[in-house]
Amino acid sequence: MRHRIHLWTVAGRLLVFLLAATSIACLLFDFYRLCPMRTFTLFIFLPALVALAIVVVVDFAAGDRQLWRGVIIGLAAGLLAAVAYDLFRLPFVFARSWGIDLLVPQMDLFKVFSRFGAMILGEPLEQPRYSAAAQFIGWAYHFSNGATFGVMFVAMVGEGSRRHWGWAVLMAVGLELAMLFTPYTQVLGIRASPAFVLVTLTAHLIFGVAMGWAVIALSRHWQSQPDLVLEPTISIL
C-alpha cells in the first residue's frame, strides 16, 4: 500500500499563509517605503505564487491532496467574495450615471485600481489618464488580493466545514480596520470621510460573509466526493 505525504499540517498551512500574504504585502511594503511595489511584485510576490503553485502540485501528485483542496477552496471563495464586494460598491461608483445620487453618494471607489497598476509598472502614481496596462494590472492585483485572502483564511482555520462564517467576517473587517491605520488613504489620495469608512466597512462585511459562506459550502461539498477517500499518509511538515 503506497503512503501519501501529508502537507496540510500547522507548518504547511503557515507556509501557504505566508506565500499568499505576499499579495497584500506588496502594498504595505510600498506604503511604508520598505520596498517599491514594482520590486516586491517582481522579486517576491510572483516567485511566492510560483512556490505556492509548486507546493500545490506536489501535494496533488504525491500528497493526500488536503493542501491542494484547501488552496483551491480558498482561491474560489476569495474570488467569489471579491466579486460580491465589488457588486455592492457599483451603485456608489455609478450613482450619478444611474440617476440614484439622491439615494446613495457618488464615490470613486474604483480609482485605486489604476493606481495599483501604475505602482506595479513603476509609473507615476497620479496621471491624467492611466494606460490600459495599468488598469488591467491594477484590477488583476485587486482580485489577487481577494483570492489570496481566501487562501489565507482557509490556511488559518484548517477545515472550513467545521468553522462558522463569522470568523471570515472578523478577518475581513479586521483587515479593513487595520488598513485604515496605514497610509492607504494618504498615499492613494482618498478622503477618509465618515461615508467612505461606512461604505468600505460594509463592503468588507459583505466580503467576509461571502467568503465564509463559500468556504463552508465548498468544504462540505468537497468532503462528499469519492476523491477524499485517502490512502494512508505520512506527515513531512
C-alpha atoms as a PDB file:
ATOM      1  CA  MET A   1       0.000   0.000   0.000  1.00  0.00           C
ATOM      2  CA  ARG A   2       1.513   3.323  -1.071  1.00  0.00           C
ATOM      3  CA  HIS A   3       1.774   6.007   1.581  1.00  0.00           C
ATOM      4  CA  ARG A   4       0.931   9.580   0.603  1.00  0.00           C
ATOM      5  CA  ILE A   5       2.612  12.548   2.292  1.00  0.00           C
ATOM      6  CA  HIS A   6       0.542  14.852   4.464  1.00  0.00           C
ATOM      7  CA  LEU A   7       1.350  18.544   3.913  1.00  0.00           C
ATOM      8  CA  TRP A   8      -1.749  20.174   5.426  1.00  0.00           C
ATOM      9  CA  THR A   9      -0.103  20.416   8.844  1.00  0.00           C
ATOM     10  CA  VAL A  10       0.305  23.516  11.003  1.00  0.00           C
ATOM     11  CA  ALA A  11       3.681  24.172   9.365  1.00  0.00           C
ATOM     12  CA  GLY A  12       2.296  23.527   5.887  1.00  0.00           C
ATOM     13  CA  ARG A  13      -0.652  25.836   6.483  1.00  0.00           C
ATOM     14  CA  LEU A  14       1.701  28.512   7.816  1.00  0.00           C
ATOM     15  CA  LEU A  15       3.785  28.236   4.655  1.00  0.00           C
ATOM     16  CA  VAL A  16       0.666  28.588   2.486  1.00  0.00           C
ATOM     17  CA  PHE A  17      -0.482  31.576   4.556  1.00  0.00           C
ATOM     18  CA  LEU A  18       2.857  33.372   4.220  1.00  0.00           C
ATOM     19  CA  LEU A  19       3.139  32.746   0.488  1.00  0.00           C
ATOM     20  CA  ALA A  20      -0.410  34.014  -0.084  1.00  0.00           C
ATOM     21  CA  ALA A  21       0.149  37.034   2.172  1.00  0.00           C
ATOM     22  CA  THR A  22       2.787  38.396  -0.207  1.00  0.00           C
ATOM     23  CA  SER A  23      -0.093  39.790  -2.291  1.00  0.00           C
ATOM     24  CA  ILE A  24      -1.216  42.360   0.272  1.00  0.00           C
ATOM     25  CA  ALA A  25       2.385  42.733   1.467  1.00  0.00           C
ATOM     26  CA  CYS A  26       3.215  44.355  -1.908  1.00  0.00           C
ATOM     27  CA  LEU A  27       1.093  47.328  -0.958  1.00  0.00           C
ATOM     28  CA  LEU A  28       2.130  47.541   2.675  1.00  0.00           C
ATOM     29  CA  PHE A  29       5.851  47.449   1.925  1.00  0.00           C
ATOM     30  CA  ASP A  30       5.395  50.284  -0.565  1.00  0.00           C
ATOM     31  CA  PHE A  31       3.282  52.339   1.851  1.00  0.00           C
ATOM     32  CA  TYR A  32       5.998  52.204   4.485  1.00  0.00           C
ATOM     33  CA  ARG A  33       8.778  52.743   1.922  1.00  0.00           C
ATOM     34  CA  LEU A  34      10.370  49.416   2.720  1.00  0.00           C
ATOM     35  CA  CYS A  35      10.335  48.237  -0.885  1.00  0.00           C
ATOM     36  CA  PRO A  36       8.770  49.675  -4.058  1.00  0.00           C
ATOM     37  CA  MET A  37       5.672  47.774  -5.134  1.00  0.00           C
ATOM     38  CA  ARG A  38       7.188  47.002  -8.541  1.00  0.00           C
ATOM     39  CA  THR A  39      10.295  45.425  -6.996  1.00  0.00           C
ATOM     40  CA  PHE A  40       8.272  43.477  -4.416  1.00  0.00           C
ATOM     41  CA  THR A  41       5.892  42.192  -7.089  1.00  0.00           C
ATOM     42  CA  LEU A  42       8.640  41.045  -9.456  1.00  0.00           C
ATOM     43  CA  PHE A  43      11.041  39.534  -6.948  1.00  0.00           C
ATOM     44  CA  ILE A  44       8.865  38.420  -4.018  1.00  0.00           C
ATOM     45  CA  PHE A  45       5.142  38.237  -4.842  1.00  0.00           C
ATOM     46  CA  LEU A  46       5.362  36.488  -8.224  1.00  0.00           C
ATOM     47  CA  PRO A  47       8.047  33.999  -7.057  1.00  0.00           C
ATOM     48  CA  ALA A  48       5.890  33.309  -3.989  1.00  0.00           C
ATOM     49  CA  LEU A  49       2.945  32.489  -6.262  1.00  0.00           C
ATOM     50  CA  VAL A  50       5.162  30.117  -8.231  1.00  0.00           C
ATOM     51  CA  ALA A  51       6.322  28.499  -4.990  1.00  0.00           C
ATOM     52  CA  LEU A  52       2.714  28.123  -3.822  1.00  0.00           C
ATOM     53  CA  ALA A  53       1.784  26.535  -7.153  1.00  0.00           C
ATOM     54  CA  ILE A  54       4.685  24.075  -6.806  1.00  0.00           C
ATOM     55  CA  VAL A  55       3.580  23.088  -3.298  1.00  0.00           C
ATOM     56  CA  VAL A  56       0.033  22.577  -4.543  1.00  0.00           C
ATOM     57  CA  VAL A  57       1.192  20.440  -7.481  1.00  0.00           C
ATOM     58  CA  VAL A  58       3.425  18.336  -5.210  1.00  0.00           C
ATOM     59  CA  ASP A  59       0.510  17.727  -2.847  1.00  0.00           C
ATOM     60  CA  PHE A  60      -1.754  16.809  -5.758  1.00  0.00           C
ATOM     61  CA  ALA A  61       0.793  14.406  -7.210  1.00  0.00           C
ATOM     62  CA  ALA A  62       2.297  12.809  -4.111  1.00  0.00           C
ATOM     63  CA  GLY A  63       0.308  14.048  -1.131  1.00  0.00           C
ATOM     64  CA  ASP A  64      -3.106  13.354   0.362  1.00  0.00           C
ATOM     65  CA  ARG A  65      -4.446  16.394  -1.533  1.00  0.00           C
ATOM     66  CA  GLN A  66      -5.677  18.165   1.598  1.00  0.00           C
ATOM     67  CA  LEU A  67      -3.383  21.142   0.953  1.00  0.00           C
ATOM     68  CA  TRP A  68      -4.443  21.223  -2.704  1.00  0.00           C
ATOM     69  CA  ARG A  69      -8.085  21.112  -1.632  1.00  0.00           C
ATOM     70  CA  GLY A  70      -7.617  23.916   0.903  1.00  0.00           C
ATOM     71  CA  VAL A  71      -5.846  26.229  -1.537  1.00  0.00           C
ATOM     72  CA  ILE A  72      -8.412  25.669  -4.316  1.00  0.00           C
ATOM     73  CA  ILE A  73     -11.317  26.266  -1.924  1.00  0.00           C
ATOM     74  CA  GLY A  74      -9.636  29.412  -0.618  1.00  0.00           C
ATOM     75  CA  LEU A  75      -8.974  30.760  -4.116  1.00  0.00           C
ATOM     76  CA  ALA A  76     -12.551  30.134  -5.244  1.00  0.00           C
ATOM     77  CA  ALA A  77     -14.085  31.587  -2.078  1.00  0.00           C
ATOM     78  CA  GLY A  78     -11.834  34.648  -2.169  1.00  0.00           C
ATOM     79  CA  LEU A  79     -12.617  35.406  -5.808  1.00  0.00           C
ATOM     80  CA  LEU A  80     -16.353  34.987  -5.230  1.00  0.00           C
ATOM     81  CA  ALA A  81     -16.142  37.302  -2.221  1.00  0.00           C
ATOM     82  CA  ALA A  82     -14.213  39.901  -4.263  1.00  0.00           C
ATOM     83  CA  VAL A  83     -16.982  39.888  -6.873  1.00  0.00           C
ATOM     84  CA  ALA A  84     -19.631  40.347  -4.161  1.00  0.00           C
ATOM     85  CA  TYR A  85     -17.531  43.146  -2.666  1.00  0.00           C
ATOM     86  CA  ASP A  86     -17.350  44.999  -5.987  1.00  0.00           C
ATOM     87  CA  LEU A  87     -21.018  44.440  -6.841  1.00  0.00           C
ATOM     88  CA  PHE A  88     -22.002  46.118  -3.583  1.00  0.00           C
ATOM     89  CA  ARG A  89     -19.884  49.140  -4.475  1.00  0.00           C
ATOM     90  CA  LEU A  90     -21.221  49.564  -8.028  1.00  0.00           C
ATOM     91  CA  PRO A  91     -24.185  51.811  -7.056  1.00  0.00           C
ATOM     92  CA  PHE A  92     -21.808  54.228  -5.334  1.00  0.00           C
ATOM     93  CA  VAL A  93     -19.400  54.308  -8.275  1.00  0.00           C
ATOM     94  CA  PHE A  94     -22.181  54.886 -10.835  1.00  0.00           C
ATOM     95  CA  ALA A  95     -24.609  56.837  -8.659  1.00  0.00           C
ATOM     96  CA  ARG A  96     -24.752  59.865 -10.995  1.00  0.00           C
ATOM     97  CA  SER A  97     -24.821  57.984 -14.284  1.00  0.00           C
ATOM     98  CA  TRP A  98     -27.561  55.694 -12.929  1.00  0.00           C
ATOM     99  CA  GLY A  99     -29.510  58.687 -11.583  1.00  0.00           C
ATOM    100  CA  ILE A 100     -29.534  57.433  -7.997  1.00  0.00           C
ATOM    101  CA  ASP A 101     -27.207  60.006  -6.437  1.00  0.00           C
ATOM    102  CA  LEU A 102     -30.111  61.300  -4.333  1.00  0.00           C
ATOM    103  CA  LEU A 103     -30.222  57.885  -2.659  1.00  0.00           C
ATOM    104  CA  VAL A 104     -26.534  56.990  -2.448  1.00  0.00           C
ATOM    105  CA  PRO A 105     -23.476  59.251  -2.597  1.00  0.00           C
ATOM    106  CA  GLN A 106     -21.260  59.258  -5.668  1.00  0.00           C
ATOM    107  CA  MET A 107     -17.905  57.756  -4.666  1.00  0.00           C
ATOM    108  CA  ASP A 108     -14.983  56.924  -6.956  1.00  0.00           C
ATOM    109  CA  LEU A 109     -14.209  53.680  -5.180  1.00  0.00           C
ATOM    110  CA  PHE A 110     -12.513  52.012  -8.151  1.00  0.00           C
ATOM    111  CA  LYS A 111      -9.922  54.705  -8.804  1.00  0.00           C
ATOM    112  CA  VAL A 112      -7.332  52.950  -6.663  1.00  0.00           C
ATOM    113  CA  PHE A 113      -7.044  50.045  -9.099  1.00  0.00           C
ATOM    114  CA  SER A 114      -5.355  52.050 -11.851  1.00  0.00           C
ATOM    115  CA  ARG A 115      -3.015  53.421  -9.194  1.00  0.00           C
ATOM    116  CA  PHE A 116      -2.149  49.884  -8.113  1.00  0.00           C
ATOM    117  CA  GLY A 117      -1.274  49.117 -11.717  1.00  0.00           C
ATOM    118  CA  ALA A 118       0.842  52.240 -12.023  1.00  0.00           C
ATOM    119  CA  MET A 119       2.734  51.322  -8.850  1.00  0.00           C
ATOM    120  CA  ILE A 120       3.441  47.811 -10.145  1.00  0.00           C
ATOM    121  CA  LEU A 121       4.576  49.187 -13.509  1.00  0.00           C
ATOM    122  CA  GLY A 122       6.779  51.795 -11.842  1.00  0.00           C
ATOM    123  CA  GLU A 123       4.785  54.661 -13.365  1.00  0.00           C
ATOM    124  CA  PRO A 124       3.815  57.942 -11.634  1.00  0.00           C
ATOM    125  CA  LEU A 125       1.060  57.423  -9.094  1.00  0.00           C
ATOM    126  CA  GLU A 126      -1.016  60.359 -10.335  1.00  0.00           C
ATOM    127  CA  GLN A 127      -1.666  60.549 -14.075  1.00  0.00           C
ATOM    128  CA  PRO A 128      -4.227  62.428 -16.182  1.00  0.00           C
ATOM    129  CA  ARG A 129      -5.016  59.187 -17.998  1.00  0.00           C
ATOM    130  CA  TYR A 130      -3.836  55.733 -16.983  1.00  0.00           C
ATOM    131  CA  SER A 131      -2.747  53.228 -19.614  1.00  0.00           C
ATOM    132  CA  ALA A 132      -4.787  50.132 -20.380  1.00  0.00           C
ATOM    133  CA  ALA A 133      -1.918  48.085 -18.935  1.00  0.00           C
ATOM    134  CA  ALA A 134      -2.050  49.951 -15.627  1.00  0.00           C
ATOM    135  CA  GLN A 135      -5.808  49.467 -15.379  1.00  0.00           C
ATOM    136  CA  PHE A 136      -5.664  45.776 -16.283  1.00  0.00           C
ATOM    137  CA  ILE A 137      -2.787  45.042 -13.896  1.00  0.00           C
ATOM    138  CA  GLY A 138      -4.452  47.073 -11.154  1.00  0.00           C
ATOM    139  CA  TRP A 139      -7.682  45.092 -11.425  1.00  0.00           C
ATOM    140  CA  ALA A 140      -5.734  41.833 -11.587  1.00  0.00           C
ATOM    141  CA  TYR A 141      -3.892  42.819  -8.413  1.00  0.00           C
ATOM    142  CA  HIS A 142      -7.201  43.674  -6.734  1.00  0.00           C
ATOM    143  CA  PHE A 143      -8.574  40.207  -7.473  1.00  0.00           C
ATOM    144  CA  SER A 144      -5.291  38.612  -6.397  1.00  0.00           C
ATOM    145  CA  ASN A 145      -5.868  40.189  -3.002  1.00  0.00           C
ATOM    146  CA  GLY A 146      -9.357  38.714  -2.817  1.00  0.00           C
ATOM    147  CA  ALA A 147      -8.165  35.267  -3.885  1.00  0.00           C
ATOM    148  CA  THR A 148      -5.207  35.214  -1.517  1.00  0.00           C
ATOM    149  CA  PHE A 149      -7.325  36.451   1.403  1.00  0.00           C
ATOM    150  CA  GLY A 150      -9.436  33.348   0.814  1.00  0.00           C
ATOM    151  CA  VAL A 151      -6.336  31.144   0.843  1.00  0.00           C
ATOM    152  CA  MET A 152      -5.051  32.854   3.986  1.00  0.00           C
ATOM    153  CA  PHE A 153      -8.396  32.308   5.712  1.00  0.00           C
ATOM    154  CA  VAL A 154      -8.531  28.591   4.892  1.00  0.00           C
ATOM    155  CA  ALA A 155      -4.894  28.221   5.960  1.00  0.00           C
ATOM    156  CA  MET A 156      -5.799  29.775   9.305  1.00  0.00           C
ATOM    157  CA  VAL A 157      -8.942  27.722  10.013  1.00  0.00           C
ATOM    158  CA  GLY A 158      -7.708  24.441   8.532  1.00  0.00           C
ATOM    159  CA  GLU A 159     -11.018  22.719   7.829  1.00  0.00           C
ATOM    160  CA  GLY A 160     -13.649  25.135   6.585  1.00  0.00           C
ATOM    161  CA  SER A 161     -16.625  22.845   7.131  1.00  0.00           C
ATOM    162  CA  ARG A 162     -16.011  22.954  10.886  1.00  0.00           C
ATOM    163  CA  ARG A 163     -15.863  26.741  11.205  1.00  0.00           C
ATOM    164  CA  HIS A 164     -18.526  29.445  11.438  1.00  0.00           C
ATOM    165  CA  TRP A 165     -18.687  32.032   8.650  1.00  0.00           C
ATOM    166  CA  GLY A 166     -18.382  34.724  11.322  1.00  0.00           C
ATOM    167  CA  TRP A 167     -14.639  34.088  11.502  1.00  0.00           C
ATOM    168  CA  ALA A 168     -14.334  35.189   7.870  1.00  0.00           C
ATOM    169  CA  VAL A 169     -16.290  38.372   8.668  1.00  0.00           C
ATOM    170  CA  LEU A 170     -13.975  39.062  11.585  1.00  0.00           C
ATOM    171  CA  MET A 171     -10.937  38.638   9.338  1.00  0.00           C
ATOM    172  CA  ALA A 172     -12.330  40.832   6.539  1.00  0.00           C
ATOM    173  CA  VAL A 173     -13.451  43.677   8.798  1.00  0.00           C
ATOM    174  CA  GLY A 174     -10.238  43.411  10.790  1.00  0.00           C
ATOM    175  CA  LEU A 175      -8.191  43.771   7.605  1.00  0.00           C
ATOM    176  CA  GLU A 176     -10.129  46.892   6.608  1.00  0.00           C
ATOM    177  CA  LEU A 177      -9.801  48.477  10.053  1.00  0.00           C
ATOM    178  CA  ALA A 178      -6.091  47.694  10.049  1.00  0.00           C
ATOM    179  CA  MET A 179      -5.708  49.183   6.559  1.00  0.00           C
ATOM    180  CA  LEU A 180      -7.306  52.438   7.710  1.00  0.00           C
ATOM    181  CA  PHE A 181      -4.432  52.818  10.176  1.00  0.00           C
ATOM    182  CA  THR A 182      -1.878  52.521   7.372  1.00  0.00           C
ATOM    183  CA  PRO A 183      -1.023  55.374   4.953  1.00  0.00           C
ATOM    184  CA  TYR A 184      -3.541  53.837   2.497  1.00  0.00           C
ATOM    185  CA  THR A 185      -5.823  56.858   2.179  1.00  0.00           C
ATOM    186  CA  GLN A 186      -2.992  59.418   2.149  1.00  0.00           C
ATOM    187  CA  VAL A 187      -0.883  57.613  -0.451  1.00  0.00           C
ATOM    188  CA  LEU A 188      -3.805  56.931  -2.785  1.00  0.00           C
ATOM    189  CA  GLY A 189      -5.404  60.345  -2.386  1.00  0.00           C
ATOM    190  CA  ILE A 190      -8.605  59.194  -0.693  1.00  0.00           C
ATOM    191  CA  ARG A 191     -10.566  61.392   1.704  1.00  0.00           C
ATOM    192  CA  ALA A 192     -11.415  59.187   4.662  1.00  0.00           C
ATOM    193  CA  SER A 193     -14.848  60.725   5.229  1.00  0.00           C
ATOM    194  CA  PRO A 194     -17.403  59.036   7.509  1.00  0.00           C
ATOM    195  CA  ALA A 195     -19.333  57.971   4.385  1.00  0.00           C
ATOM    196  CA  PHE A 196     -16.215  56.368   2.874  1.00  0.00           C
ATOM    197  CA  VAL A 197     -15.418  54.490   6.081  1.00  0.00           C
ATOM    198  CA  LEU A 198     -19.025  53.275   6.433  1.00  0.00           C
ATOM    199  CA  VAL A 199     -19.228  52.087   2.814  1.00  0.00           C
ATOM    200  CA  THR A 200     -15.856  50.335   2.840  1.00  0.00           C
ATOM    201  CA  LEU A 201     -16.542  48.647   6.180  1.00  0.00           C
ATOM    202  CA  THR A 202     -19.908  47.436   4.890  1.00  0.00           C
ATOM    203  CA  ALA A 203     -18.250  46.205   1.698  1.00  0.00           C
ATOM    204  CA  HIS A 204     -15.720  44.239   3.746  1.00  0.00           C
ATOM    205  CA  LEU A 205     -18.535  42.858   5.887  1.00  0.00           C
ATOM    206  CA  ILE A 206     -20.149  41.557   2.684  1.00  0.00           C
ATOM    207  CA  PHE A 207     -16.768  40.216   1.527  1.00  0.00           C
ATOM    208  CA  GLY A 208     -16.417  38.320   4.806  1.00  0.00           C
ATOM    209  CA  VAL A 209     -19.929  36.863   4.690  1.00  0.00           C
ATOM    210  CA  ALA A 210     -19.478  35.739   1.076  1.00  0.00           C
ATOM    211  CA  MET A 211     -16.033  34.271   1.753  1.00  0.00           C
ATOM    212  CA  GLY A 212     -17.118  32.469   4.904  1.00  0.00           C
ATOM    213  CA  TRP A 213     -20.247  31.055   3.290  1.00  0.00           C
ATOM    214  CA  ALA A 214     -18.316  29.932   0.201  1.00  0.00           C
ATOM    215  CA  VAL A 215     -15.572  28.238   2.230  1.00  0.00           C
ATOM    216  CA  ILE A 216     -18.122  26.317   4.297  1.00  0.00           C
ATOM    217  CA  ALA A 217     -20.245  25.344   1.286  1.00  0.00           C
ATOM    218  CA  LEU A 218     -17.287  24.257  -0.845  1.00  0.00           C
ATOM    219  CA  SER A 219     -15.658  22.370   2.043  1.00  0.00           C
ATOM    220  CA  ARG A 220     -18.848  20.444   2.799  1.00  0.00           C
ATOM    221  CA  HIS A 221     -19.460  19.669  -0.863  1.00  0.00           C
ATOM    222  CA  TRP A 222     -15.892  18.517  -1.492  1.00  0.00           C
ATOM    223  CA  GLN A 223     -16.000  16.208   1.540  1.00  0.00           C
ATOM    224  CA  SER A 224     -18.803  14.265  -0.096  1.00  0.00           C
ATOM    225  CA  GLN A 225     -16.690  13.442  -3.146  1.00  0.00           C
ATOM    226  CA  PRO A 226     -15.117   9.977  -3.599  1.00  0.00           C
ATOM    227  CA  ASP A 227     -11.687  11.582  -4.201  1.00  0.00           C
ATOM    228  CA  LEU A 228     -11.456  12.347  -0.489  1.00  0.00           C
ATOM    229  CA  VAL A 229     -11.147   8.674   0.422  1.00  0.00           C
ATOM    230  CA  LEU A 230      -7.459   8.938   1.122  1.00  0.00           C
ATOM    231  CA  GLU A 231      -4.659   6.457   1.278  1.00  0.00           C
ATOM    232  CA  PRO A 232      -2.518   6.215   4.452  1.00  0.00           C
ATOM    233  CA  THR A 233      -0.393   9.332   4.883  1.00  0.00           C
ATOM    234  CA  ILE A 234       2.994  10.353   6.203  1.00  0.00           C
ATOM    235  CA  SER A 235       3.340  13.871   7.618  1.00  0.00           C
ATOM    236  CA  ILE A 236       6.501  15.677   6.485  1.00  0.00           C
ATOM    237  CA  LEU A 237       5.787  19.259   7.610  1.00  0.00           C
END
